């Protein structure tokens, strides 16, 4: 994050030793370390929260896409079912009419054409 080299850290340490003094320097360094650790944990927590929100948003988009796909599939299946039902109904009606016509023809063939008078 920060581009701080080893020589720069030595200069900061020497300045801190002169300004703060050798007695308080360990306590200040410990406090600075604790604050730096807290800041890193906070930054990591924020990154994790952002990552979770992004994943949640992606999952919501994927869920919406899947629901749209399911609706489209359901519509296509319903359309095909309706088409099959119409075909079956038309075929059944044709078969019933054909059977009716054949039975009428068979009845007409079995019946005598004209009664023969007995003498």
PDB file of N, CA and C in Angstrom:
ATOM      1  N   UNK A   1       0.834  -1.176   0.000  1.00  0.00           N
ATOM      2  CA  UNK A   1       0.000   0.000   0.000  1.00  0.00           C
ATOM      3  C   UNK A   1       0.881   1.242   0.000  1.00  0.00           C
ATOM      4  N   UNK A   2       1.740   1.350   0.984  1.00  0.00           N
ATOM      5  CA  UNK A   2       2.686   2.462   1.016  1.00  0.00           C
ATOM      6  C   UNK A   2       4.038   1.918   0.577  1.00  0.00           C
ATOM      7  N   UNK A   3       4.748   2.715  -0.170  1.00  0.00           N
ATOM      8  CA  UNK A   3       6.068   2.282  -0.636  1.00  0.00           C
ATOM      9  C   UNK A   3       7.110   2.846   0.318  1.00  0.00           C
ATOM     10  N   UNK A   4       7.349   2.124   1.410  1.00  0.00           N
ATOM     11  CA  UNK A   4       8.300   2.560   2.425  1.00  0.00           C
ATOM     12  C   UNK A   4       9.438   1.533   2.454  1.00  0.00           C
ATOM     13  N   UNK A   5      10.633   1.995   2.192  1.00  0.00           N
ATOM     14  CA  UNK A   5      11.791   1.105   2.185  1.00  0.00           C
ATOM     15  C   UNK A   5      12.405   0.983   3.570  1.00  0.00           C
ATOM     16  N   UNK A   6      13.422   0.121   3.675  1.00  0.00           N
ATOM     17  CA  UNK A   6      14.069  -0.123   4.958  1.00  0.00           C
ATOM     18  C   UNK A   6      14.790   1.121   5.464  1.00  0.00           C
ATOM     19  N   UNK A   7      15.449   1.828   4.575  1.00  0.00           N
ATOM     20  CA  UNK A   7      16.159   3.041   4.995  1.00  0.00           C
ATOM     21  C   UNK A   7      15.197   4.097   5.515  1.00  0.00           C
ATOM     22  N   UNK A   8      14.038   4.201   4.926  1.00  0.00           N
ATOM     23  CA  UNK A   8      13.042   5.170   5.399  1.00  0.00           C
ATOM     24  C   UNK A   8      12.518   4.777   6.777  1.00  0.00           C
ATOM     25  N   UNK A   9      12.349   3.481   7.025  1.00  0.00           N
ATOM     26  CA  UNK A   9      11.925   3.028   8.353  1.00  0.00           C
ATOM     27  C   UNK A   9      12.971   3.355   9.410  1.00  0.00           C
ATOM     28  N   UNK A  10      14.243   3.226   9.075  1.00  0.00           N
ATOM     29  CA  UNK A  10      15.310   3.566  10.017  1.00  0.00           C
ATOM     30  C   UNK A  10      15.273   5.049  10.348  1.00  0.00           C
ATOM     31  N   UNK A  11      15.076   5.897   9.347  1.00  0.00           N
ATOM     32  CA  UNK A  11      14.991   7.346   9.591  1.00  0.00           C
ATOM     33  C   UNK A  11      13.796   7.658  10.484  1.00  0.00           C
ATOM     34  N   UNK A  12      12.630   7.039  10.218  1.00  0.00           N
ATOM     35  CA  UNK A  12      11.446   7.267  11.051  1.00  0.00           C
ATOM     36  C   UNK A  12      11.717   6.805  12.480  1.00  0.00           C
ATOM     37  N   UNK A  13      12.365   5.652  12.650  1.00  0.00           N
ATOM     38  CA  UNK A  13      12.702   5.152  13.991  1.00  0.00           C
ATOM     39  C   UNK A  13      13.632   6.086  14.744  1.00  0.00           C
ATOM     40  N   UNK A  14      14.645   6.619  14.079  1.00  0.00           N
ATOM     41  CA  UNK A  14      15.594   7.547  14.730  1.00  0.00           C
ATOM     42  C   UNK A  14      14.880   8.824  15.133  1.00  0.00           C
ATOM     43  N   UNK A  15      14.045   9.368  14.244  1.00  0.00           N
ATOM     44  CA  UNK A  15      13.297  10.596  14.566  1.00  0.00           C
ATOM     45  C   UNK A  15      12.357  10.332  15.735  1.00  0.00           C
ATOM     46  N   UNK A  16      11.667   9.185  15.746  1.00  0.00           N
ATOM     47  CA  UNK A  16      10.766   8.855  16.843  1.00  0.00           C
ATOM     48  C   UNK A  16      11.543   8.710  18.138  1.00  0.00           C
ATOM     49  N   UNK A  17      12.741   8.113  18.109  1.00  0.00           N
ATOM     50  CA  UNK A  17      13.558   7.951  19.301  1.00  0.00           C
ATOM     51  C   UNK A  17      13.961   9.305  19.863  1.00  0.00           C
ATOM     52  N   UNK A  18      14.323  10.241  18.977  1.00  0.00           N
ATOM     53  CA  UNK A  18      14.740  11.569  19.433  1.00  0.00           C
ATOM     54  C   UNK A  18      13.547  12.360  19.957  1.00  0.00           C
ATOM     55  N   UNK A  19      12.411  12.326  19.235  1.00  0.00           N
ATOM     56  CA  UNK A  19      11.249  13.142  19.615  1.00  0.00           C
ATOM     57  C   UNK A  19      10.538  12.563  20.832  1.00  0.00           C
ATOM     58  N   UNK A  20      10.272  11.262  20.845  1.00  0.00           N
ATOM     59  CA  UNK A  20       9.491  10.651  21.920  1.00  0.00           C
ATOM     60  C   UNK A  20      10.370  10.324  23.122  1.00  0.00           C
ATOM     61  N   UNK A  21      11.540   9.863  22.860  1.00  0.00           N
ATOM     62  CA  UNK A  21      12.445   9.505  23.965  1.00  0.00           C
ATOM     63  C   UNK A  21      12.484   8.004  24.148  1.00  0.00           C
ATOM     64  N   UNK A  22      13.582   7.505  24.725  1.00  0.00           N
ATOM     65  CA  UNK A  22      13.753   6.055  24.859  1.00  0.00           C
ATOM     66  C   UNK A  22      12.815   5.420  25.873  1.00  0.00           C
ATOM     67  N   UNK A  23      12.293   6.197  26.855  1.00  0.00           N
ATOM     68  CA  UNK A  23      11.424   5.593  27.856  1.00  0.00           C
ATOM     69  C   UNK A  23      10.020   5.336  27.330  1.00  0.00           C
ATOM     70  N   UNK A  24       9.497   6.258  26.539  1.00  0.00           N
ATOM     71  CA  UNK A  24       8.113   6.124  26.051  1.00  0.00           C
ATOM     72  C   UNK A  24       8.029   5.457  24.678  1.00  0.00           C
ATOM     73  N   UNK A  25       9.138   5.281  23.988  1.00  0.00           N
ATOM     74  CA  UNK A  25       9.120   4.723  22.632  1.00  0.00           C
ATOM     75  C   UNK A  25       8.507   3.312  22.572  1.00  0.00           C
ATOM     76  N   UNK A  26       8.821   2.374  23.485  1.00  0.00           N
ATOM     77  CA  UNK A  26       8.197   1.044  23.395  1.00  0.00           C
ATOM     78  C   UNK A  26       6.674   1.084  23.564  1.00  0.00           C
ATOM     79  N   UNK A  27       6.193   1.924  24.488  1.00  0.00           N
ATOM     80  CA  UNK A  27       4.756   2.037  24.709  1.00  0.00           C
ATOM     81  C   UNK A  27       4.076   2.634  23.482  1.00  0.00           C
ATOM     82  N   UNK A  28       4.669   3.668  22.889  1.00  0.00           N
ATOM     83  CA  UNK A  28       4.107   4.296  21.681  1.00  0.00           C
ATOM     84  C   UNK A  28       4.131   3.312  20.517  1.00  0.00           C
ATOM     85  N   UNK A  29       5.216   2.551  20.381  1.00  0.00           N
ATOM     86  CA  UNK A  29       5.324   1.577  19.297  1.00  0.00           C
ATOM     87  C   UNK A  29       4.260   0.484  19.463  1.00  0.00           C
ATOM     88  N   UNK A  30       4.059   0.032  20.710  1.00  0.00           N
ATOM     89  CA  UNK A  30       3.048  -0.991  20.969  1.00  0.00           C
ATOM     90  C   UNK A  30       1.654  -0.468  20.641  1.00  0.00           C
ATOM     91  N   UNK A  31       1.352   0.762  21.046  1.00  0.00           N
ATOM     92  CA  UNK A  31       0.057   1.379  20.763  1.00  0.00           C
ATOM     93  C   UNK A  31      -0.130   1.547  19.255  1.00  0.00           C
ATOM     94  N   UNK A  32       0.925   2.000  18.571  1.00  0.00           N
ATOM     95  CA  UNK A  32       0.844   2.165  17.112  1.00  0.00           C
ATOM     96  C   UNK A  32       0.614   0.811  16.437  1.00  0.00           C
ATOM     97  N   UNK A  33       1.257  -0.234  16.934  1.00  0.00           N
ATOM     98  CA  UNK A  33       1.053  -1.576  16.375  1.00  0.00           C
ATOM     99  C   UNK A  33      -0.368  -2.065  16.567  1.00  0.00           C
ATOM    100  N   UNK A  34      -0.911  -1.816  17.777  1.00  0.00           N
ATOM    101  CA  UNK A  34      -2.299  -2.208  18.032  1.00  0.00           C
ATOM    102  C   UNK A  34      -3.271  -1.458  17.121  1.00  0.00           C
ATOM    103  N   UNK A  35      -3.050  -0.154  17.003  1.00  0.00           N
ATOM    104  CA  UNK A  35      -3.922   0.636  16.127  1.00  0.00           C
ATOM    105  C   UNK A  35      -3.804   0.187  14.665  1.00  0.00           C
ATOM    106  N   UNK A  36      -2.589  -0.123  14.234  1.00  0.00           N
ATOM    107  CA  UNK A  36      -2.381  -0.595  12.865  1.00  0.00           C
ATOM    108  C   UNK A  36      -3.083  -1.949  12.653  1.00  0.00           C
ATOM    109  N   UNK A  37      -3.007  -2.830  13.655  1.00  0.00           N
ATOM    110  CA  UNK A  37      -3.694  -4.124  13.567  1.00  0.00           C
ATOM    111  C   UNK A  37      -5.197  -3.968  13.478  1.00  0.00           C
ATOM    112  N   UNK A  38      -5.748  -3.068  14.305  1.00  0.00           N
ATOM    113  CA  UNK A  38      -7.187  -2.810  14.262  1.00  0.00           C
ATOM    114  C   UNK A  38      -7.598  -2.260  12.899  1.00  0.00           C
ATOM    115  N   UNK A  39      -6.780  -1.354  12.385  1.00  0.00           N
ATOM    116  CA  UNK A  39      -7.087  -0.766  11.085  1.00  0.00           C
ATOM    117  C   UNK A  39      -7.066  -1.847   9.993  1.00  0.00           C
ATOM    118  N   UNK A  40      -6.093  -2.755  10.040  1.00  0.00           N
ATOM    119  CA  UNK A  40      -6.018  -3.829   9.046  1.00  0.00           C
ATOM    120  C   UNK A  40      -7.225  -4.763   9.155  1.00  0.00           C
ATOM    121  N   UNK A  41      -7.624  -5.094  10.396  1.00  0.00           N
ATOM    122  CA  UNK A  41      -8.808  -5.945  10.567  1.00  0.00           C
ATOM    123  C   UNK A  41     -10.056  -5.254  10.035  1.00  0.00           C
ATOM    124  N   UNK A  42     -10.183  -3.956  10.304  1.00  0.00           N
ATOM    125  CA  UNK A  42     -11.332  -3.199   9.821  1.00  0.00           C
ATOM    126  C   UNK A  42     -11.359  -3.192   8.296  1.00  0.00           C
ATOM    127  N   UNK A  43     -10.214  -2.949   7.678  1.00  0.00           N
ATOM    128  CA  UNK A  43     -10.136  -2.934   6.213  1.00  0.00           C
ATOM    129  C   UNK A  43     -10.486  -4.314   5.663  1.00  0.00           C
ATOM    130  N   UNK A  44      -9.980  -5.372   6.296  1.00  0.00           N
ATOM    131  CA  UNK A  44     -10.298  -6.725   5.843  1.00  0.00           C
ATOM    132  C   UNK A  44     -11.788  -7.036   5.996  1.00  0.00           C
ATOM    133  N   UNK A  45     -12.392  -6.578   7.103  1.00  0.00           N
ATOM    134  CA  UNK A  45     -13.832  -6.774   7.295  1.00  0.00           C
ATOM    135  C   UNK A  45     -14.637  -6.051   6.218  1.00  0.00           C
ATOM    136  N   UNK A  46     -14.231  -4.833   5.906  1.00  0.00           N
ATOM    137  CA  UNK A  46     -14.937  -4.067   4.868  1.00  0.00           C
ATOM    138  C   UNK A  46     -14.797  -4.766   3.511  1.00  0.00           C
ATOM    139  N   UNK A  47     -13.597  -5.256   3.212  1.00  0.00           N
ATOM    140  CA  UNK A  47     -13.388  -5.986   1.947  1.00  0.00           C
ATOM    141  C   UNK A  47     -14.271  -7.229   1.897  1.00  0.00           C
ATOM    142  N   UNK A  48     -14.344  -7.955   3.008  1.00  0.00           N
ATOM    143  CA  UNK A  48     -15.165  -9.174   3.050  1.00  0.00           C
ATOM    144  C   UNK A  48     -16.640  -8.836   2.866  1.00  0.00           C
ATOM    145  N   UNK A  49     -17.104  -7.755   3.514  1.00  0.00           N
ATOM    146  CA  UNK A  49     -18.501  -7.335   3.361  1.00  0.00           C
ATOM    147  C   UNK A  49     -18.804  -6.961   1.914  1.00  0.00           C
ATOM    148  N   UNK A  50     -17.917  -6.230   1.300  1.00  0.00           N
ATOM    149  CA  UNK A  50     -18.114  -5.840  -0.098  1.00  0.00           C
ATOM    150  C   UNK A  50     -18.137  -7.066  -0.989  1.00  0.00           C
ATOM    151  N   UNK A  51     -17.239  -7.995  -0.729  1.00  0.00           N
ATOM    152  CA  UNK A  51     -17.196  -9.230  -1.513  1.00  0.00           C
ATOM    153  C   UNK A  51     -18.496 -10.018  -1.360  1.00  0.00           C
ATOM    154  N   UNK A  52     -19.007 -10.114  -0.134  1.00  0.00           N
ATOM    155  CA  UNK A  52     -20.280 -10.816   0.097  1.00  0.00           C
ATOM    156  C   UNK A  52     -21.430 -10.138  -0.625  1.00  0.00           C
ATOM    157  N   UNK A  53     -21.453  -8.810  -0.599  1.00  0.00           N
ATOM    158  CA  UNK A  53     -22.518  -8.072  -1.286  1.00  0.00           C
ATOM    159  C   UNK A  53     -22.458  -8.304  -2.790  1.00  0.00           C
ATOM    160  N   UNK A  54     -21.254  -8.333  -3.335  1.00  0.00           N
ATOM    161  CA  UNK A  54     -21.101  -8.570  -4.778  1.00  0.00           C
ATOM    162  C   UNK A  54     -21.581  -9.981  -5.113  1.00  0.00           C
ATOM    163  N   UNK A  55     -21.204 -10.965  -4.295  1.00  0.00           N
ATOM    164  CA  UNK A  55     -21.643 -12.338  -4.539  1.00  0.00           C
ATOM    165  C   UNK A  55     -23.153 -12.463  -4.410  1.00  0.00           C
ATOM    166  N   UNK A  56     -23.727 -11.771  -3.421  1.00  0.00           N
ATOM    167  CA  UNK A  56     -25.170 -11.802  -3.240  1.00  0.00           C
ATOM    168  C   UNK A  56     -25.873 -11.200  -4.445  1.00  0.00           C
ATOM    169  N   UNK A  57     -25.351 -10.100  -4.951  1.00  0.00           N
ATOM    170  CA  UNK A  57     -25.928  -9.463  -6.130  1.00  0.00           C
ATOM    171  C   UNK A  57     -25.848 -10.390  -7.342  1.00  0.00           C
ATOM    172  N   UNK A  58     -24.714 -11.065  -7.508  1.00  0.00           N
ATOM    173  CA  UNK A  58     -24.561 -12.007  -8.612  1.00  0.00           C
ATOM    174  C   UNK A  58     -25.541 -13.176  -8.471  1.00  0.00           C
ATOM    175  N   UNK A  59     -25.723 -13.655  -7.233  1.00  0.00           N
ATOM    176  CA  UNK A  59     -26.672 -14.749  -7.007  1.00  0.00           C
ATOM    177  C   UNK A  59     -28.097 -14.317  -7.306  1.00  0.00           C
ATOM    178  N   UNK A  60     -28.446 -13.081  -6.945  1.00  0.00           N
ATOM    179  CA  UNK A  60     -29.788 -12.573  -7.245  1.00  0.00           C
ATOM    180  C   UNK A  60     -30.005 -12.484  -8.751  1.00  0.00           C
ATOM    181  N   UNK A  61     -28.971 -12.022  -9.477  1.00  0.00           N
ATOM    182  CA  UNK A  61     -29.089 -11.955 -10.937  1.00  0.00           C
ATOM    183  C   UNK A  61     -29.243 -13.353 -11.525  1.00  0.00           C
ATOM    184  N   UNK A  62     -28.458 -14.308 -11.006  1.00  0.00           N
ATOM    185  CA  UNK A  62     -28.532 -15.678 -11.503  1.00  0.00           C
ATOM    186  C   UNK A  62     -29.906 -16.269 -11.195  1.00  0.00           C
ATOM    187  N   UNK A  63     -30.447 -15.966 -10.018  1.00  0.00           N
ATOM    188  CA  UNK A  63     -31.770 -16.463  -9.654  1.00  0.00           C
ATOM    189  C   UNK A  63     -32.826 -15.903 -10.594  1.00  0.00           C
ATOM    190  N   UNK A  64     -32.739 -14.614 -10.903  1.00  0.00           N
ATOM    191  CA  UNK A  64     -33.698 -13.999 -11.827  1.00  0.00           C
ATOM    192  C   UNK A  64     -33.587 -14.636 -13.209  1.00  0.00           C
ATOM    193  N   UNK A  65     -32.374 -14.888 -13.668  1.00  0.00           N
ATOM    194  CA  UNK A  65     -32.183 -15.532 -14.969  1.00  0.00           C
ATOM    195  C   UNK A  65     -32.778 -16.940 -14.971  1.00  0.00           C
ATOM    196  N   UNK A  66     -32.560 -17.676 -13.888  1.00  0.00           N
ATOM    197  CA  UNK A  66     -33.097 -19.035 -13.810  1.00  0.00           C
ATOM    198  C   UNK A  66     -34.624 -19.015 -13.770  1.00  0.00           C
ATOM    199  N   UNK A  67     -35.207 -18.057 -13.063  1.00  0.00           N
ATOM    200  CA  UNK A  67     -36.657 -17.962 -13.019  1.00  0.00           C
ATOM    201  C   UNK A  67     -37.216 -17.623 -14.397  1.00  0.00           C
ATOM    202  N   UNK A  68     -36.567 -16.731 -15.117  1.00  0.00           N
ATOM    203  CA  UNK A  68     -37.004 -16.404 -16.477  1.00  0.00           C
ATOM    204  C   UNK A  68     -36.912 -17.633 -17.373  1.00  0.00           C
ATOM    205  N   UNK A  69     -35.821 -18.368 -17.259  1.00  0.00           N
ATOM    206  CA  UNK A  69     -35.659 -19.584 -18.061  1.00  0.00           C
ATOM    207  C   UNK A  69     -36.746 -20.604 -17.715  1.00  0.00           C
ATOM    208  N   UNK A  70     -37.039 -20.739 -16.442  1.00  0.00           N
ATOM    209  CA  UNK A  70     -38.071 -21.698 -16.015  1.00  0.00           C
ATOM    210  C   UNK A  70     -39.438 -21.284 -16.550  1.00  0.00           C
ATOM    211  N   UNK A  71     -39.744 -19.983 -16.497  1.00  0.00           N
ATOM    212  CA  UNK A  71     -41.023 -19.500 -17.040  1.00  0.00           C
ATOM    213  C   UNK A  71     -41.111 -19.771 -18.545  1.00  0.00           C
ATOM    214  N   UNK A  72     -40.027 -19.476 -19.266  1.00  0.00           N
ATOM    215  CA  UNK A  72     -40.026 -19.720 -20.707  1.00  0.00           C
ATOM    216  C   UNK A  72     -40.199 -21.204 -21.004  1.00  0.00           C
ATOM    217  N   UNK A  73     -39.535 -22.053 -20.251  1.00  0.00           N
ATOM    218  CA  UNK A  73     -39.670 -23.496 -20.437  1.00  0.00           C
ATOM    219  C   UNK A  73     -41.101 -23.942 -20.149  1.00  0.00           C
ATOM    220  N   UNK A  74     -41.669 -23.398 -19.072  1.00  0.00           N
ATOM    221  CA  UNK A  74     -43.044 -23.749 -18.718  1.00  0.00           C
ATOM    222  C   UNK A  74     -44.008 -23.334 -19.819  1.00  0.00           C
ATOM    223  N   UNK A  75     -43.808 -22.142 -20.384  1.00  0.00           N
ATOM    224  CA  UNK A  75     -44.666 -21.680 -21.482  1.00  0.00           C
ATOM    225  C   UNK A  75     -44.527 -22.586 -22.699  1.00  0.00           C
ATOM    226  N   UNK A  76     -43.304 -22.962 -23.029  1.00  0.00           N
ATOM    227  CA  UNK A  76     -43.113 -23.812 -24.206  1.00  0.00           C
ATOM    228  C   UNK A  76     -43.729 -25.189 -23.990  1.00  0.00           C
ATOM    229  N   UNK A  77     -43.599 -25.742 -22.777  1.00  0.00           N
ATOM    230  CA  UNK A  77     -44.209 -27.042 -22.487  1.00  0.00           C
ATOM    231  C   UNK A  77     -45.728 -26.931 -22.558  1.00  0.00           C
ATOM    232  N   UNK A  78     -46.294 -25.866 -22.013  1.00  0.00           N
ATOM    233  CA  UNK A  78     -47.748 -25.683 -22.061  1.00  0.00           C
ATOM    234  C   UNK A  78     -48.219 -25.541 -23.505  1.00  0.00           C
ATOM    235  N   UNK A  79     -47.477 -24.825 -24.300  1.00  0.00           N
ATOM    236  CA  UNK A  79     -47.821 -24.660 -25.710  1.00  0.00           C
ATOM    237  C   UNK A  79     -47.784 -25.997 -26.445  1.00  0.00           C
ATOM    238  N   UNK A  80     -46.750 -26.777 -26.184  1.00  0.00           N
ATOM    239  CA  UNK A  80     -46.641 -28.088 -26.826  1.00  0.00           C
ATOM    240  C   UNK A  80     -47.756 -29.018 -26.347  1.00  0.00           C
ATOM    241  N   UNK A  81     -48.091 -28.961 -25.070  1.00  0.00           N
ATOM    242  CA  UNK A  81     -49.182 -29.789 -24.539  1.00  0.00           C
ATOM    243  C   UNK A  81     -50.508 -29.417 -25.202  1.00  0.00           C
ATOM    244  N   UNK A  82     -50.735 -28.136 -25.363  1.00  0.00           N
ATOM    245  CA  UNK A  82     -51.963 -27.673 -26.008  1.00  0.00           C
ATOM    246  C   UNK A  82     -51.997 -28.149 -27.461  1.00  0.00           C
ATOM    247  N   UNK A  83     -50.874 -28.084 -28.134  1.00  0.00           N
ATOM    248  CA  UNK A  83     -50.796 -28.556 -29.517  1.00  0.00           C
ATOM    249  C   UNK A  83     -51.069 -30.054 -29.597  1.00  0.00           C
ATOM    250  N   UNK A  84     -50.503 -30.826 -28.686  1.00  0.00           N
ATOM    251  CA  UNK A  84     -50.731 -32.275 -28.664  1.00  0.00           C
ATOM    252  C   UNK A  84     -52.190 -32.578 -28.361  1.00  0.00           C
ATOM    253  N   UNK A  85     -52.784 -31.850 -27.413  1.00  0.00           N
ATOM    254  CA  UNK A  85     -54.194 -32.060 -27.076  1.00  0.00           C
ATOM    255  C   UNK A  85     -55.088 -31.782 -28.277  1.00  0.00           C
ATOM    256  N   UNK A  86     -54.801 -30.718 -29.010  1.00  0.00           N
ATOM    257  CA  UNK A  86     -55.596 -30.398 -30.193  1.00  0.00           C
ATOM    258  C   UNK A  86     -55.453 -31.489 -31.249  1.00  0.00           C
ATOM    259  N   UNK A  87     -54.241 -31.980 -31.436  1.00  0.00           N
ATOM    260  CA  UNK A  87     -54.009 -33.041 -32.421  1.00  0.00           C
ATOM    261  C   UNK A  87     -54.746 -34.314 -32.019  1.00  0.00           C
ATOM    262  N   UNK A  88     -54.677 -34.683 -30.742  1.00  0.00           N
ATOM    263  CA  UNK A  88     -55.354 -35.883 -30.254  1.00  0.00           C
ATOM    264  C   UNK A  88     -56.859 -35.729 -30.389  1.00  0.00           C
ATOM    265  N   UNK A  89     -57.397 -34.580 -30.053  1.00  0.00           N
ATOM    266  CA  UNK A  89     -58.835 -34.338 -30.171  1.00  0.00           C
ATOM    267  C   UNK A  89     -59.284 -34.435 -31.623  1.00  0.00           C
ATOM    268  N   UNK A  90     -58.531 -33.818 -32.520  1.00  0.00           N
ATOM    269  CA  UNK A  90     -58.890 -33.871 -33.943  1.00  0.00           C
ATOM    270  C   UNK A  90     -58.810 -35.302 -34.458  1.00  0.00           C
ATOM    271  N   UNK A  91     -57.792 -36.031 -34.059  1.00  0.00           N
ATOM    272  CA  UNK A  91     -57.645 -37.421 -34.502  1.00  0.00           C
ATOM    273  C   UNK A  91     -58.783 -38.275 -33.946  1.00  0.00           C
ATOM    274  N   UNK A  92     -59.139 -38.069 -32.689  1.00  0.00           N
ATOM    275  CA  UNK A  92     -60.226 -38.838 -32.076  1.00  0.00           C
ATOM    276  C   UNK A  92     -61.543 -38.549 -32.782  1.00  0.00           C
ATOM    277  N   UNK A  93     -61.796 -37.296 -33.098  1.00  0.00           N
ATOM    278  CA  UNK A  93     -63.027 -36.948 -33.807  1.00  0.00           C
ATOM    279  C   UNK A  93     -63.052 -37.588 -35.186  1.00  0.00           C
ATOM    280  N   UNK A  94     -61.920 -37.594 -35.875  1.00  0.00           N
ATOM    281  CA  UNK A  94     -61.854 -38.213 -37.200  1.00  0.00           C
ATOM    282  C   UNK A  94     -62.104 -39.711 -37.101  1.00  0.00           C
ATOM    283  N   UNK A  95     -61.535 -40.360 -36.081  1.00  0.00           N
ATOM    284  CA  UNK A  95     -61.737 -41.798 -35.900  1.00  0.00           C
ATOM    285  C   UNK A  95     -63.198 -42.087 -35.597  1.00  0.00           C
ATOM    286  N   UNK A  96     -63.821 -41.288 -34.731  1.00  0.00           N
ATOM    287  CA  UNK A  96     -65.237 -41.488 -34.392  1.00  0.00           C
ATOM    288  C   UNK A  96     -66.101 -41.321 -35.631  1.00  0.00           C
ATOM    289  N   UNK A  97     -65.836 -40.321 -36.443  1.00  0.00           N
ATOM    290  CA  UNK A  97     -66.611 -40.112 -37.671  1.00  0.00           C
ATOM    291  C   UNK A  97     -66.395 -41.260 -38.645  1.00  0.00           C
ATOM    292  N   UNK A  98     -65.150 -41.734 -38.755  1.00  0.00           N
ATOM    293  CA  UNK A  98     -64.848 -42.845 -39.657  1.00  0.00           C
ATOM    294  C   UNK A  98     -65.559 -44.117 -39.196  1.00  0.00           C
ATOM    295  N   UNK A  99     -65.533 -44.378 -37.911  1.00  0.00           N
ATOM    296  CA  UNK A  99     -66.211 -45.566 -37.373  1.00  0.00           C
ATOM    297  C   UNK A  99     -67.711 -45.441 -37.589  1.00  0.00           C
ATOM    298  N   UNK A 100     -68.249 -44.269 -37.365  1.00  0.00           N
ATOM    299  CA  UNK A 100     -69.688 -44.060 -37.585  1.00  0.00           C
ATOM    300  C   UNK A 100     -70.064 -44.279 -39.040  1.00  0.00           C
ATOM    301  N   UNK A 101     -69.253 -43.771 -39.963  1.00  0.00           N
ATOM    302  CA  UNK A 101     -69.549 -43.952 -41.389  1.00  0.00           C
ATOM    303  C   UNK A 101     -69.444 -45.419 -41.773  1.00  0.00           C
ATOM    304  N   UNK A 102     -68.467 -46.127 -41.235  1.00  0.00           N
ATOM    305  CA  UNK A 102     -68.306 -47.549 -41.561  1.00  0.00           C
ATOM    306  C   UNK A 102     -69.454 -48.375 -40.993  1.00  0.00           C
ATOM    307  N   UNK A 103     -69.905 -48.020 -39.795  1.00  0.00           N
ATOM    308  CA  UNK A 103     -71.012 -48.783 -39.208  1.00  0.00           C
ATOM    309  C   UNK A 103     -72.297 -48.551 -39.985  1.00  0.00           C
ATOM    310  N   UNK A 104     -72.508 -47.337 -40.469  1.00  0.00           N
ATOM    311  CA  UNK A 104     -73.692 -47.061 -41.289  1.00  0.00           C
ATOM    312  C   UNK A 104     -73.613 -47.841 -42.594  1.00  0.00           C
ATOM    313  N   UNK A 105     -72.431 -47.918 -43.187  1.00  0.00           N
ATOM    314  CA  UNK A 105     -72.250 -48.656 -44.430  1.00  0.00           C
ATOM    315  C   UNK A 105     -72.485 -50.157 -44.185  1.00  0.00           C
ATOM    316  N   UNK A 106     -71.988 -50.656 -43.070  1.00  0.00           N
ATOM    317  CA  UNK A 106     -72.159 -52.067 -42.744  1.00  0.00           C
ATOM    318  C   UNK A 106     -73.619 -52.397 -42.486  1.00  0.00           C
ATOM    319  N   UNK A 107     -74.334 -51.534 -41.802  1.00  0.00           N
ATOM    320  CA  UNK A 107     -75.759 -51.751 -41.538  1.00  0.00           C
ATOM    321  C   UNK A 107     -76.548 -51.735 -42.843  1.00  0.00           C
ATOM    322  N   UNK A 108     -76.175 -50.822 -43.731  1.00  0.00           N
ATOM    323  CA  UNK A 108     -76.884 -50.727 -45.007  1.00  0.00           C
ATOM    324  C   UNK A 108     -76.611 -51.970 -45.851  1.00  0.00           C
ATOM    325  N   UNK A 109     -75.430 -52.531 -45.784  1.00  0.00           N
ATOM    326  CA  UNK A 109     -75.099 -53.714 -46.566  1.00  0.00           C
ATOM    327  C   UNK A 109     -75.795 -54.953 -46.005  1.00  0.00           C
ATOM    328  N   UNK A 110     -75.984 -55.017 -44.715  1.00  0.00           N
ATOM    329  CA  UNK A 110     -76.637 -56.166 -44.095  1.00  0.00           C
ATOM    330  C   UNK A 110     -78.150 -56.145 -44.306  1.00  0.00           C
ATOM    331  N   UNK A 111     -78.754 -55.025 -44.426  1.00  0.00           N
ATOM    332  CA  UNK A 111     -80.204 -54.924 -44.587  1.00  0.00           C
ATOM    333  C   UNK A 111     -80.588 -55.318 -46.006  1.00  0.00           C
ATOM    334  N   UNK A 112     -81.715 -56.013 -46.158  1.00  0.00           N
ATOM    335  CA  UNK A 112     -82.131 -56.367 -47.513  1.00  0.00           C
ATOM    336  C   UNK A 112     -82.517 -55.126 -48.293  1.00  0.00           C
ATOM    337  N   UNK A 113     -82.258 -55.134 -49.566  1.00  0.00           N
ATOM    338  CA  UNK A 113     -82.525 -53.978 -50.423  1.00  0.00           C
ATOM    339  C   UNK A 113     -84.023 -53.765 -50.565  1.00  0.00           C
ATOM    340  N   UNK A 114     -84.766 -54.798 -50.825  1.00  0.00           N
ATOM    341  CA  UNK A 114     -86.216 -54.661 -50.916  1.00  0.00           C
ATOM    342  C   UNK A 114     -86.841 -55.912 -50.371  1.00  0.00           C
ATOM    343  N   UNK A 115     -87.908 -55.770 -49.711  1.00  0.00           N
ATOM    344  CA  UNK A 115     -88.545 -56.971 -49.139  1.00  0.00           C
ATOM    345  C   UNK A 115     -89.089 -57.845 -50.298  1.00  0.00           C
ATOM    346  N   UNK A 116     -88.873 -59.097 -50.176  1.00  0.00           N
ATOM    347  CA  UNK A 116     -89.366 -60.042 -51.190  1.00  0.00           C
ATOM    348  C   UNK A 116     -90.738 -60.560 -50.727  1.00  0.00           C
ATOM    349  N   UNK A 117     -91.752 -60.337 -51.561  1.00  0.00           N
ATOM    350  CA  UNK A 117     -93.083 -60.808 -51.127  1.00  0.00           C
ATOM    351  C   UNK A 117     -93.164 -62.337 -51.232  1.00  0.00           C
ATOM    352  N   UNK A 118     -93.768 -62.923 -50.289  1.00  0.00           N
ATOM    353  CA  UNK A 118     -93.947 -64.378 -50.289  1.00  0.00           C
ATOM    354  C   UNK A 118     -95.301 -64.693 -50.934  1.00  0.00           C
ATOM    355  N   UNK A 119     -95.272 -65.572 -51.790  1.00  0.00           N
ATOM    356  CA  UNK A 119     -96.506 -65.930 -52.436  1.00  0.00           C
ATOM    357  C   UNK A 119     -96.902 -67.349 -52.209  1.00  0.00           C
TER     358      UNK A 119
END
